[in-house]
Amino acid sequence: MNGRALVAWNLRRLRTERGVSQERLAADAGVDRAYVSELEREQGNASVDMLDKLASVLGVTVGQFLAEIPAGASEITPLPAGRKPVRRGAGRS
C-alpha cells in the first residue's frame, strides 16, 4: 500500500476514533475542511508540517499516520452527519 493511502486510512481512523469531525479538525489545525476531506480520500498530498499539525490536534505522533493497516480491517464507520443539537433549557428554571 502506498503512503498516501496509509495516511488517508489512518487519518480517518484516528479522527473518527476520537469523535472529531472534519470541520473541527480542520479548524483546530488551521486548514480548510475540504483539504482534510481530500487527504482522507487520497486526493491531497500532506506535507510533514501539515501531518505534524493534524497529529497535534488528534494527540498522536506523526508516525501513526503511516501505521500499516491490519489484515482484515473493515471500513471505517463515518461519524453521524450534521451538527450536534444545541441543548436548550438545561439548568434553567
C-alpha atoms as a PDB file:
ATOM      1  CA  MET A   1       0.000   0.000   0.000  1.00  0.00           C
ATOM      2  CA  ASN A   2       1.325   3.446  -0.839  1.00  0.00           C
ATOM      3  CA  GLY A   3       1.991   6.226   1.672  1.00  0.00           C
ATOM      4  CA  ARG A   4      -0.923   8.384   0.576  1.00  0.00           C
ATOM      5  CA  ALA A   5      -3.358   5.507   1.161  1.00  0.00           C
ATOM      6  CA  LEU A   6      -1.877   4.827   4.602  1.00  0.00           C
ATOM      7  CA  VAL A   7      -2.168   8.473   5.605  1.00  0.00           C
ATOM      8  CA  ALA A   8      -5.761   8.619   4.335  1.00  0.00           C
ATOM      9  CA  TRP A   9      -6.885   5.472   6.177  1.00  0.00           C
ATOM     10  CA  ASN A  10      -5.101   6.308   9.413  1.00  0.00           C
ATOM     11  CA  LEU A  11      -6.195   9.947   9.424  1.00  0.00           C
ATOM     12  CA  ARG A  12      -9.825   8.938   9.092  1.00  0.00           C
ATOM     13  CA  ARG A  13      -9.427   6.140  11.672  1.00  0.00           C
ATOM     14  CA  LEU A  14      -7.755   8.377  14.248  1.00  0.00           C
ATOM     15  CA  ARG A  15     -10.221  11.216  13.672  1.00  0.00           C
ATOM     16  CA  THR A  16     -13.335   9.059  13.970  1.00  0.00           C
ATOM     17  CA  GLU A  17     -11.990   7.120  16.980  1.00  0.00           C
ATOM     18  CA  ARG A  18     -11.752  10.451  18.764  1.00  0.00           C
ATOM     19  CA  GLY A  19     -15.171  11.623  17.584  1.00  0.00           C
ATOM     20  CA  VAL A  20     -13.693  14.648  15.802  1.00  0.00           C
ATOM     21  CA  SER A  21     -15.447  15.954  12.696  1.00  0.00           C
ATOM     22  CA  GLN A  22     -13.507  17.007   9.618  1.00  0.00           C
ATOM     23  CA  GLU A  23     -14.732  20.532  10.257  1.00  0.00           C
ATOM     24  CA  ARG A  24     -13.425  20.601  13.853  1.00  0.00           C
ATOM     25  CA  LEU A  25     -10.100  19.007  12.895  1.00  0.00           C
ATOM     26  CA  ALA A  26      -9.616  21.489  10.083  1.00  0.00           C
ATOM     27  CA  ALA A  27     -10.484  24.480  12.281  1.00  0.00           C
ATOM     28  CA  ASP A  28      -8.154  23.366  15.069  1.00  0.00           C
ATOM     29  CA  ALA A  29      -5.323  22.668  12.589  1.00  0.00           C
ATOM     30  CA  GLY A  30      -5.868  25.962  10.737  1.00  0.00           C
ATOM     31  CA  VAL A  31      -6.758  24.455   7.355  1.00  0.00           C
ATOM     32  CA  ASP A  32      -9.854  24.219   5.176  1.00  0.00           C
ATOM     33  CA  ARG A  33     -12.239  21.324   5.786  1.00  0.00           C
ATOM     34  CA  ALA A  34     -12.105  20.439   2.096  1.00  0.00           C
ATOM     35  CA  TYR A  35      -8.361  19.828   2.467  1.00  0.00           C
ATOM     36  CA  VAL A  36      -8.946  17.323   5.283  1.00  0.00           C
ATOM     37  CA  SER A  37     -11.519  15.634   3.063  1.00  0.00           C
ATOM     38  CA  GLU A  38      -9.030  15.481   0.185  1.00  0.00           C
ATOM     39  CA  LEU A  39      -6.442  13.848   2.438  1.00  0.00           C
ATOM     40  CA  GLU A  40      -8.935  11.228   3.613  1.00  0.00           C
ATOM     41  CA  ARG A  41      -9.935  10.458   0.006  1.00  0.00           C
ATOM     42  CA  GLU A  42      -6.291  10.131  -1.137  1.00  0.00           C
ATOM     43  CA  GLN A  43      -6.677  13.227  -3.305  1.00  0.00           C
ATOM     44  CA  GLY A  44      -4.376  15.525  -1.333  1.00  0.00           C
ATOM     45  CA  ASN A  45      -0.694  15.374  -0.555  1.00  0.00           C
ATOM     46  CA  ALA A  46       0.143  16.417   3.009  1.00  0.00           C
ATOM     47  CA  SER A  47       3.480  17.934   3.936  1.00  0.00           C
ATOM     48  CA  VAL A  48       5.287  16.786   7.060  1.00  0.00           C
ATOM     49  CA  ASP A  49       4.400  20.134   8.638  1.00  0.00           C
ATOM     50  CA  MET A  50       0.705  19.515   7.922  1.00  0.00           C
ATOM     51  CA  LEU A  51       0.870  15.990   9.336  1.00  0.00           C
ATOM     52  CA  ASP A  52       2.509  17.478  12.430  1.00  0.00           C
ATOM     53  CA  LYS A  53      -0.398  19.937  12.867  1.00  0.00           C
ATOM     54  CA  LEU A  54      -3.009  17.213  12.406  1.00  0.00           C
ATOM     55  CA  ALA A  55      -1.171  14.867  14.777  1.00  0.00           C
ATOM     56  CA  SER A  56      -1.003  17.590  17.406  1.00  0.00           C
ATOM     57  CA  VAL A  57      -4.759  18.230  17.205  1.00  0.00           C
ATOM     58  CA  LEU A  58      -5.514  14.491  17.388  1.00  0.00           C
ATOM     59  CA  GLY A  59      -2.997  13.874  20.183  1.00  0.00           C
ATOM     60  CA  VAL A  60      -0.947  11.305  18.266  1.00  0.00           C
ATOM     61  CA  THR A  61       2.517  11.055  16.768  1.00  0.00           C
ATOM     62  CA  VAL A  62       3.126  11.722  13.078  1.00  0.00           C
ATOM     63  CA  GLY A  63       4.281   8.124  12.721  1.00  0.00           C
ATOM     64  CA  GLN A  64       0.781   6.859  13.469  1.00  0.00           C
ATOM     65  CA  PHE A  65      -0.360   8.203  10.098  1.00  0.00           C
ATOM     66  CA  LEU A  66       1.937   5.657   8.447  1.00  0.00           C
ATOM     67  CA  ALA A  67       0.913   2.632  10.540  1.00  0.00           C
ATOM     68  CA  GLU A  68       0.176  -0.470   8.493  1.00  0.00           C
ATOM     69  CA  ILE A  69      -3.487  -1.287   8.071  1.00  0.00           C
ATOM     70  CA  PRO A  70      -4.241  -4.502   9.975  1.00  0.00           C
ATOM     71  CA  ALA A  71      -5.100  -7.517   7.832  1.00  0.00           C
ATOM     72  CA  GLY A  72      -8.860  -7.919   7.621  1.00  0.00           C
ATOM     73  CA  ALA A  73      -9.539  -4.361   8.818  1.00  0.00           C
ATOM     74  CA  SER A  74     -13.044  -3.257   7.996  1.00  0.00           C
ATOM     75  CA  GLU A  75     -14.208   0.037   6.558  1.00  0.00           C
ATOM     76  CA  ILE A  76     -14.131   2.910   8.991  1.00  0.00           C
ATOM     77  CA  THR A  77     -17.610   3.898  10.103  1.00  0.00           C
ATOM     78  CA  PRO A  78     -18.159   7.607   9.486  1.00  0.00           C
ATOM     79  CA  LEU A  79     -19.370   9.894  12.223  1.00  0.00           C
ATOM     80  CA  PRO A  80     -23.049  10.859  12.150  1.00  0.00           C
ATOM     81  CA  ALA A  81     -23.689  13.648   9.671  1.00  0.00           C
ATOM     82  CA  GLY A  82     -24.807  17.096  10.698  1.00  0.00           C
ATOM     83  CA  ARG A  83     -24.212  19.312  13.649  1.00  0.00           C
ATOM     84  CA  LYS A  84     -24.842  18.272  17.210  1.00  0.00           C
ATOM     85  CA  PRO A  85     -28.152  19.603  18.520  1.00  0.00           C
ATOM     86  CA  VAL A  86     -27.981  22.588  20.835  1.00  0.00           C
ATOM     87  CA  ARG A  87     -29.151  21.719  24.328  1.00  0.00           C
ATOM     88  CA  ARG A  88     -31.563  24.407  25.426  1.00  0.00           C
ATOM     89  CA  GLY A  89     -33.031  24.968  28.818  1.00  0.00           C
ATOM     90  CA  ALA A  90     -30.614  22.733  30.702  1.00  0.00           C
ATOM     91  CA  GLY A  91     -30.338  24.031  34.240  1.00  0.00           C
ATOM     92  CA  ARG A  92     -32.785  26.873  33.681  1.00  0.00           C
ATOM     93  CA  SER A  93     -35.923  27.444  35.700  1.00  0.00           C
END
